[in-house]
């Protein structure tokens, strides 16, 4: 799996969740619970970043277009 360089921090998980992840990684290419959790969190964060609404400039352009079309006053 991809290795991240840099400082690492500790995150605590409930034992039950940790055990479930341990079972899940047995059928994956992940070498550890840490690798799996890091991958999942990166996916979630990246998805959220990509789902951001319009930038401020894009929003202004959309509002201008809607106004020009008569949908906004």
PDB file of N, CA and C in Angstrom:
ATOM      1  N   UNK A   1       0.844  -1.190   0.000  1.00  0.00           N
ATOM      2  CA  UNK A   1       0.000   0.000   0.000  1.00  0.00           C
ATOM      3  C   UNK A   1       0.883   1.244   0.000  1.00  0.00           C
ATOM      4  N   UNK A   2       0.268   2.374  -0.310  1.00  0.00           N
ATOM      5  CA  UNK A   2       0.974   3.642  -0.363  1.00  0.00           C
ATOM      6  C   UNK A   2       1.405   4.053   1.044  1.00  0.00           C
ATOM      7  N   UNK A   3       2.650   4.443   1.169  1.00  0.00           N
ATOM      8  CA  UNK A   3       3.174   4.890   2.455  1.00  0.00           C
ATOM      9  C   UNK A   3       3.261   6.410   2.454  1.00  0.00           C
ATOM     10  N   UNK A   4       2.736   7.029   3.467  1.00  0.00           N
ATOM     11  CA  UNK A   4       2.807   8.484   3.638  1.00  0.00           C
ATOM     12  C   UNK A   4       4.043   8.815   4.437  1.00  0.00           C
ATOM     13  N   UNK A   5       4.755   9.824   4.006  1.00  0.00           N
ATOM     14  CA  UNK A   5       5.908  10.289   4.760  1.00  0.00           C
ATOM     15  C   UNK A   5       5.466  11.392   5.685  1.00  0.00           C
ATOM     16  N   UNK A   6       6.183  11.565   6.747  1.00  0.00           N
ATOM     17  CA  UNK A   6       5.855  12.642   7.666  1.00  0.00           C
ATOM     18  C   UNK A   6       5.438  12.120   9.021  1.00  0.00           C
ATOM     19  N   UNK A   7       5.098  13.069   9.843  1.00  0.00           N
ATOM     20  CA  UNK A   7       4.728  12.782  11.216  1.00  0.00           C
ATOM     21  C   UNK A   7       3.421  11.989  11.280  1.00  0.00           C
ATOM     22  N   UNK A   8       3.354  11.065  12.202  1.00  0.00           N
ATOM     23  CA  UNK A   8       2.149  10.268  12.422  1.00  0.00           C
ATOM     24  C   UNK A   8       1.562  10.627  13.781  1.00  0.00           C
ATOM     25  N   UNK A   9       0.259  10.544  13.890  1.00  0.00           N
ATOM     26  CA  UNK A   9      -0.461  10.796  15.142  1.00  0.00           C
ATOM     27  C   UNK A   9      -1.253   9.548  15.505  1.00  0.00           C
ATOM     28  N   UNK A  10      -1.632   9.436  16.754  1.00  0.00           N
ATOM     29  CA  UNK A  10      -2.389   8.294  17.248  1.00  0.00           C
ATOM     30  C   UNK A  10      -3.872   8.604  17.255  1.00  0.00           C
ATOM     31  N   UNK A  11      -4.663   7.637  16.796  1.00  0.00           N
ATOM     32  CA  UNK A  11      -6.119   7.715  16.862  1.00  0.00           C
ATOM     33  C   UNK A  11      -6.586   6.444  17.568  1.00  0.00           C
ATOM     34  N   UNK A  12      -7.459   6.594  18.541  1.00  0.00           N
ATOM     35  CA  UNK A  12      -7.961   5.431  19.276  1.00  0.00           C
ATOM     36  C   UNK A  12      -9.300   5.001  18.702  1.00  0.00           C
ATOM     37  N   UNK A  13      -9.449   3.695  18.556  1.00  0.00           N
ATOM     38  CA  UNK A  13     -10.699   3.113  18.061  1.00  0.00           C
ATOM     39  C   UNK A  13     -11.263   2.182  19.120  1.00  0.00           C
ATOM     40  N   UNK A  14     -12.595   2.062  19.163  1.00  0.00           N
ATOM     41  CA  UNK A  14     -13.174   1.068  20.068  1.00  0.00           C
ATOM     42  C   UNK A  14     -12.663  -0.329  19.678  1.00  0.00           C
ATOM     43  N   UNK A  15     -12.421  -1.169  20.663  1.00  0.00           N
ATOM     44  CA  UNK A  15     -11.868  -2.507  20.429  1.00  0.00           C
ATOM     45  C   UNK A  15     -12.727  -3.313  19.454  1.00  0.00           C
ATOM     46  N   UNK A  16     -14.038  -3.181  19.556  1.00  0.00           N
ATOM     47  CA  UNK A  16     -14.931  -3.938  18.674  1.00  0.00           C
ATOM     48  C   UNK A  16     -14.733  -3.529  17.214  1.00  0.00           C
ATOM     49  N   UNK A  17     -14.627  -2.231  16.966  1.00  0.00           N
ATOM     50  CA  UNK A  17     -14.402  -1.746  15.606  1.00  0.00           C
ATOM     51  C   UNK A  17     -13.044  -2.189  15.095  1.00  0.00           C
ATOM     52  N   UNK A  18     -12.034  -2.092  15.935  1.00  0.00           N
ATOM     53  CA  UNK A  18     -10.686  -2.528  15.563  1.00  0.00           C
ATOM     54  C   UNK A  18     -10.699  -4.001  15.146  1.00  0.00           C
ATOM     55  N   UNK A  19     -11.405  -4.824  15.908  1.00  0.00           N
ATOM     56  CA  UNK A  19     -11.493  -6.258  15.594  1.00  0.00           C
ATOM     57  C   UNK A  19     -12.181  -6.479  14.252  1.00  0.00           C
ATOM     58  N   UNK A  20     -13.224  -5.719  13.971  1.00  0.00           N
ATOM     59  CA  UNK A  20     -13.916  -5.843  12.685  1.00  0.00           C
ATOM     60  C   UNK A  20     -12.996  -5.476  11.531  1.00  0.00           C
ATOM     61  N   UNK A  21     -12.206  -4.425  11.717  1.00  0.00           N
ATOM     62  CA  UNK A  21     -11.264  -4.020  10.671  1.00  0.00           C
ATOM     63  C   UNK A  21     -10.185  -5.095  10.498  1.00  0.00           C
ATOM     64  N   UNK A  22      -9.709  -5.667  11.597  1.00  0.00           N
ATOM     65  CA  UNK A  22      -8.721  -6.751  11.514  1.00  0.00           C
ATOM     66  C   UNK A  22      -9.244  -7.903  10.657  1.00  0.00           C
ATOM     67  N   UNK A  23     -10.497  -8.248  10.851  1.00  0.00           N
ATOM     68  CA  UNK A  23     -11.099  -9.332  10.064  1.00  0.00           C
ATOM     69  C   UNK A  23     -11.212  -8.927   8.591  1.00  0.00           C
ATOM     70  N   UNK A  24     -11.607  -7.712   8.349  1.00  0.00           N
ATOM     71  CA  UNK A  24     -11.809  -7.235   6.981  1.00  0.00           C
ATOM     72  C   UNK A  24     -10.491  -7.217   6.201  1.00  0.00           C
ATOM     73  N   UNK A  25      -9.397  -6.786   6.842  1.00  0.00           N
ATOM     74  CA  UNK A  25      -8.142  -6.656   6.095  1.00  0.00           C
ATOM     75  C   UNK A  25      -7.529  -8.000   5.730  1.00  0.00           C
ATOM     76  N   UNK A  26      -7.998  -9.081   6.328  1.00  0.00           N
ATOM     77  CA  UNK A  26      -7.475 -10.407   5.996  1.00  0.00           C
ATOM     78  C   UNK A  26      -7.696 -10.750   4.527  1.00  0.00           C
ATOM     79  N   UNK A  27      -8.713 -10.167   3.924  1.00  0.00           N
ATOM     80  CA  UNK A  27      -9.025 -10.463   2.520  1.00  0.00           C
ATOM     81  C   UNK A  27      -8.672  -9.278   1.611  1.00  0.00           C
ATOM     82  N   UNK A  28      -7.759  -8.436   2.068  1.00  0.00           N
ATOM     83  CA  UNK A  28      -7.327  -7.279   1.280  1.00  0.00           C
ATOM     84  C   UNK A  28      -5.810  -7.283   1.158  1.00  0.00           C
ATOM     85  N   UNK A  29      -5.290  -6.280   0.497  1.00  0.00           N
ATOM     86  CA  UNK A  29      -3.841  -6.109   0.381  1.00  0.00           C
ATOM     87  C   UNK A  29      -3.275  -5.209   1.472  1.00  0.00           C
ATOM     88  N   UNK A  30      -4.122  -4.775   2.393  1.00  0.00           N
ATOM     89  CA  UNK A  30      -3.652  -3.917   3.474  1.00  0.00           C
ATOM     90  C   UNK A  30      -2.826  -4.739   4.449  1.00  0.00           C
ATOM     91  N   UNK A  31      -1.716  -4.151   4.918  1.00  0.00           N
ATOM     92  CA  UNK A  31      -0.828  -4.859   5.822  1.00  0.00           C
ATOM     93  C   UNK A  31      -1.156  -4.672   7.284  1.00  0.00           C
ATOM     94  N   UNK A  32      -2.013  -3.688   7.568  1.00  0.00           N
ATOM     95  CA  UNK A  32      -2.335  -3.426   8.971  1.00  0.00           C
ATOM     96  C   UNK A  32      -3.643  -2.653   9.071  1.00  0.00           C
ATOM     97  N   UNK A  33      -4.164  -2.616  10.280  1.00  0.00           N
ATOM     98  CA  UNK A  33      -5.362  -1.819  10.547  1.00  0.00           C
ATOM     99  C   UNK A  33      -5.051  -0.348  10.278  1.00  0.00           C
ATOM    100  N   UNK A  34      -3.860   0.092  10.661  1.00  0.00           N
ATOM    101  CA  UNK A  34      -3.469   1.491  10.426  1.00  0.00           C
ATOM    102  C   UNK A  34      -3.548   1.856   8.945  1.00  0.00           C
ATOM    103  N   UNK A  35      -3.005   0.998   8.082  1.00  0.00           N
ATOM    104  CA  UNK A  35      -3.039   1.272   6.641  1.00  0.00           C
ATOM    105  C   UNK A  35      -4.475   1.363   6.133  1.00  0.00           C
ATOM    106  N   UNK A  36      -5.317   0.449   6.585  1.00  0.00           N
ATOM    107  CA  UNK A  36      -6.713   0.431   6.142  1.00  0.00           C
ATOM    108  C   UNK A  36      -7.442   1.694   6.588  1.00  0.00           C
ATOM    109  N   UNK A  37      -7.310   2.045   7.856  1.00  0.00           N
ATOM    110  CA  UNK A  37      -8.001   3.214   8.391  1.00  0.00           C
ATOM    111  C   UNK A  37      -7.504   4.478   7.700  1.00  0.00           C
ATOM    112  N   UNK A  38      -6.202   4.579   7.466  1.00  0.00           N
ATOM    113  CA  UNK A  38      -5.652   5.743   6.771  1.00  0.00           C
ATOM    114  C   UNK A  38      -6.236   5.852   5.362  1.00  0.00           C
ATOM    115  N   UNK A  39      -6.301   4.734   4.657  1.00  0.00           N
ATOM    116  CA  UNK A  39      -6.857   4.728   3.308  1.00  0.00           C
ATOM    117  C   UNK A  39      -8.318   5.169   3.307  1.00  0.00           C
ATOM    118  N   UNK A  40      -9.111   4.606   4.195  1.00  0.00           N
ATOM    119  CA  UNK A  40     -10.539   4.939   4.260  1.00  0.00           C
ATOM    120  C   UNK A  40     -10.738   6.417   4.586  1.00  0.00           C
ATOM    121  N   UNK A  41      -9.988   6.933   5.539  1.00  0.00           N
ATOM    122  CA  UNK A  41     -10.124   8.341   5.912  1.00  0.00           C
ATOM    123  C   UNK A  41      -9.712   9.259   4.767  1.00  0.00           C
ATOM    124  N   UNK A  42      -8.654   8.912   4.054  1.00  0.00           N
ATOM    125  CA  UNK A  42      -8.255   9.709   2.892  1.00  0.00           C
ATOM    126  C   UNK A  42      -9.359   9.734   1.845  1.00  0.00           C
ATOM    127  N   UNK A  43      -9.974   8.586   1.607  1.00  0.00           N
ATOM    128  CA  UNK A  43     -11.069   8.516   0.633  1.00  0.00           C
ATOM    129  C   UNK A  43     -12.220   9.419   1.041  1.00  0.00           C
ATOM    130  N   UNK A  44     -12.597   9.382   2.293  1.00  0.00           N
ATOM    131  CA  UNK A  44     -13.705  10.197   2.795  1.00  0.00           C
ATOM    132  C   UNK A  44     -13.375  11.681   2.683  1.00  0.00           C
ATOM    133  N   UNK A  45     -12.185  12.052   3.119  1.00  0.00           N
ATOM    134  CA  UNK A  45     -11.794  13.465   3.079  1.00  0.00           C
ATOM    135  C   UNK A  45     -11.711  13.956   1.641  1.00  0.00           C
ATOM    136  N   UNK A  46     -11.136  13.160   0.759  1.00  0.00           N
ATOM    137  CA  UNK A  46     -11.026  13.549  -0.648  1.00  0.00           C
ATOM    138  C   UNK A  46     -12.401  13.706  -1.267  1.00  0.00           C
ATOM    139  N   UNK A  47     -13.299  12.783  -0.963  1.00  0.00           N
ATOM    140  CA  UNK A  47     -14.657  12.862  -1.507  1.00  0.00           C
ATOM    141  C   UNK A  47     -15.354  14.134  -1.034  1.00  0.00           C
ATOM    142  N   UNK A  48     -15.195  14.440   0.248  1.00  0.00           N
ATOM    143  CA  UNK A  48     -15.814  15.657   0.787  1.00  0.00           C
ATOM    144  C   UNK A  48     -15.225  16.895   0.143  1.00  0.00           C
ATOM    145  N   UNK A  49     -13.919  16.909  -0.077  1.00  0.00           N
ATOM    146  CA  UNK A  49     -13.276  18.056  -0.725  1.00  0.00           C
ATOM    147  C   UNK A  49     -13.786  18.222  -2.152  1.00  0.00           C
ATOM    148  N   UNK A  50     -13.982  17.105  -2.846  1.00  0.00           N
ATOM    149  CA  UNK A  50     -14.449  17.149  -4.232  1.00  0.00           C
ATOM    150  C   UNK A  50     -15.925  17.498  -4.333  1.00  0.00           C
ATOM    151  N   UNK A  51     -16.666  17.308  -3.256  1.00  0.00           N
ATOM    152  CA  UNK A  51     -18.102  17.596  -3.252  1.00  0.00           C
ATOM    153  C   UNK A  51     -18.407  19.030  -2.855  1.00  0.00           C
ATOM    154  N   UNK A  52     -17.381  19.852  -2.662  1.00  0.00           N
ATOM    155  CA  UNK A  52     -17.619  21.226  -2.255  1.00  0.00           C
ATOM    156  C   UNK A  52     -18.487  21.917  -3.294  1.00  0.00           C
ATOM    157  N   UNK A  53     -19.285  22.824  -2.803  1.00  0.00           N
ATOM    158  CA  UNK A  53     -20.150  23.597  -3.685  1.00  0.00           C
ATOM    159  C   UNK A  53     -19.290  24.491  -4.562  1.00  0.00           C
ATOM    160  N   UNK A  54     -19.937  25.343  -5.297  1.00  0.00           N
ATOM    161  CA  UNK A  54     -19.239  26.265  -6.177  1.00  0.00           C
ATOM    162  C   UNK A  54     -18.260  27.134  -5.398  1.00  0.00           C
ATOM    163  N   UNK A  55     -17.188  27.528  -6.069  1.00  0.00           N
ATOM    164  CA  UNK A  55     -16.309  28.530  -5.474  1.00  0.00           C
ATOM    165  C   UNK A  55     -17.085  29.841  -5.448  1.00  0.00           C
ATOM    166  N   UNK A  56     -16.569  30.809  -4.741  1.00  0.00           N
ATOM    167  CA  UNK A  56     -17.260  32.097  -4.644  1.00  0.00           C
ATOM    168  C   UNK A  56     -17.438  32.720  -6.027  1.00  0.00           C
ATOM    169  N   UNK A  57     -16.405  32.623  -6.850  1.00  0.00           N
ATOM    170  CA  UNK A  57     -16.486  33.189  -8.203  1.00  0.00           C
ATOM    171  C   UNK A  57     -17.498  32.443  -9.064  1.00  0.00           C
ATOM    172  N   UNK A  58     -17.502  31.106  -8.966  1.00  0.00           N
ATOM    173  CA  UNK A  58     -18.468  30.316  -9.728  1.00  0.00           C
ATOM    174  C   UNK A  58     -19.894  30.643  -9.298  1.00  0.00           C
ATOM    175  N   UNK A  59     -20.087  30.807  -7.993  1.00  0.00           N
ATOM    176  CA  UNK A  59     -21.418  31.139  -7.484  1.00  0.00           C
ATOM    177  C   UNK A  59     -21.884  32.486  -8.030  1.00  0.00           C
ATOM    178  N   UNK A  60     -20.988  33.466  -8.069  1.00  0.00           N
ATOM    179  CA  UNK A  60     -21.336  34.786  -8.628  1.00  0.00           C
ATOM    180  C   UNK A  60     -21.740  34.657 -10.089  1.00  0.00           C
ATOM    181  N   UNK A  61     -21.008  33.841 -10.839  1.00  0.00           N
ATOM    182  CA  UNK A  61     -21.314  33.650 -12.265  1.00  0.00           C
ATOM    183  C   UNK A  61     -22.677  32.990 -12.455  1.00  0.00           C
ATOM    184  N   UNK A  62     -22.963  31.987 -11.640  1.00  0.00           N
ATOM    185  CA  UNK A  62     -24.263  31.310 -11.728  1.00  0.00           C
ATOM    186  C   UNK A  62     -25.385  32.303 -11.407  1.00  0.00           C
ATOM    187  N   UNK A  63     -25.204  33.077 -10.333  1.00  0.00           N
ATOM    188  CA  UNK A  63     -26.231  34.062  -9.963  1.00  0.00           C
ATOM    189  C   UNK A  63     -26.425  35.089 -11.070  1.00  0.00           C
ATOM    190  N   UNK A  64     -25.320  35.525 -11.695  1.00  0.00           N
ATOM    191  CA  UNK A  64     -25.412  36.480 -12.799  1.00  0.00           C
ATOM    192  C   UNK A  64     -26.205  35.878 -13.957  1.00  0.00           C
ATOM    193  N   UNK A  65     -25.912  34.639 -14.298  1.00  0.00           N
ATOM    194  CA  UNK A  65     -26.637  33.969 -15.390  1.00  0.00           C
ATOM    195  C   UNK A  65     -28.122  33.837 -15.059  1.00  0.00           C
ATOM    196  N   UNK A  66     -28.425  33.443 -13.820  1.00  0.00           N
ATOM    197  CA  UNK A  66     -29.829  33.312 -13.428  1.00  0.00           C
ATOM    198  C   UNK A  66     -30.535  34.666 -13.470  1.00  0.00           C
ATOM    199  N   UNK A  67     -29.834  35.712 -13.062  1.00  0.00           N
ATOM    200  CA  UNK A  67     -30.416  37.058 -13.108  1.00  0.00           C
ATOM    201  C   UNK A  67     -30.650  37.464 -14.565  1.00  0.00           C
ATOM    202  N   UNK A  68     -29.670  37.227 -15.434  1.00  0.00           N
ATOM    203  CA  UNK A  68     -29.809  37.568 -16.841  1.00  0.00           C
ATOM    204  C   UNK A  68     -30.969  36.800 -17.503  1.00  0.00           C
ATOM    205  N   UNK A  69     -31.250  35.635 -16.989  1.00  0.00           N
ATOM    206  CA  UNK A  69     -32.362  34.835 -17.525  1.00  0.00           C
ATOM    207  C   UNK A  69     -33.701  35.190 -16.889  1.00  0.00           C
ATOM    208  N   UNK A  70     -33.651  36.079 -15.906  1.00  0.00           N
ATOM    209  CA  UNK A  70     -34.883  36.521 -15.274  1.00  0.00           C
ATOM    210  C   UNK A  70     -35.343  35.704 -14.082  1.00  0.00           C
ATOM    211  N   UNK A  71     -34.507  34.792 -13.623  1.00  0.00           N
ATOM    212  CA  UNK A  71     -34.882  33.952 -12.486  1.00  0.00           C
ATOM    213  C   UNK A  71     -34.601  34.626 -11.154  1.00  0.00           C
ATOM    214  N   UNK A  72     -33.702  35.593 -11.137  1.00  0.00           N
ATOM    215  CA  UNK A  72     -33.385  36.326  -9.912  1.00  0.00           C
ATOM    216  C   UNK A  72     -33.586  37.803 -10.140  1.00  0.00           C
ATOM    217  N   UNK A  73     -33.969  38.512  -9.078  1.00  0.00           N
ATOM    218  CA  UNK A  73     -34.125  39.966  -9.190  1.00  0.00           C
ATOM    219  C   UNK A  73     -32.854  40.660  -8.808  1.00  0.00           C
TER     220      UNK A  73
END
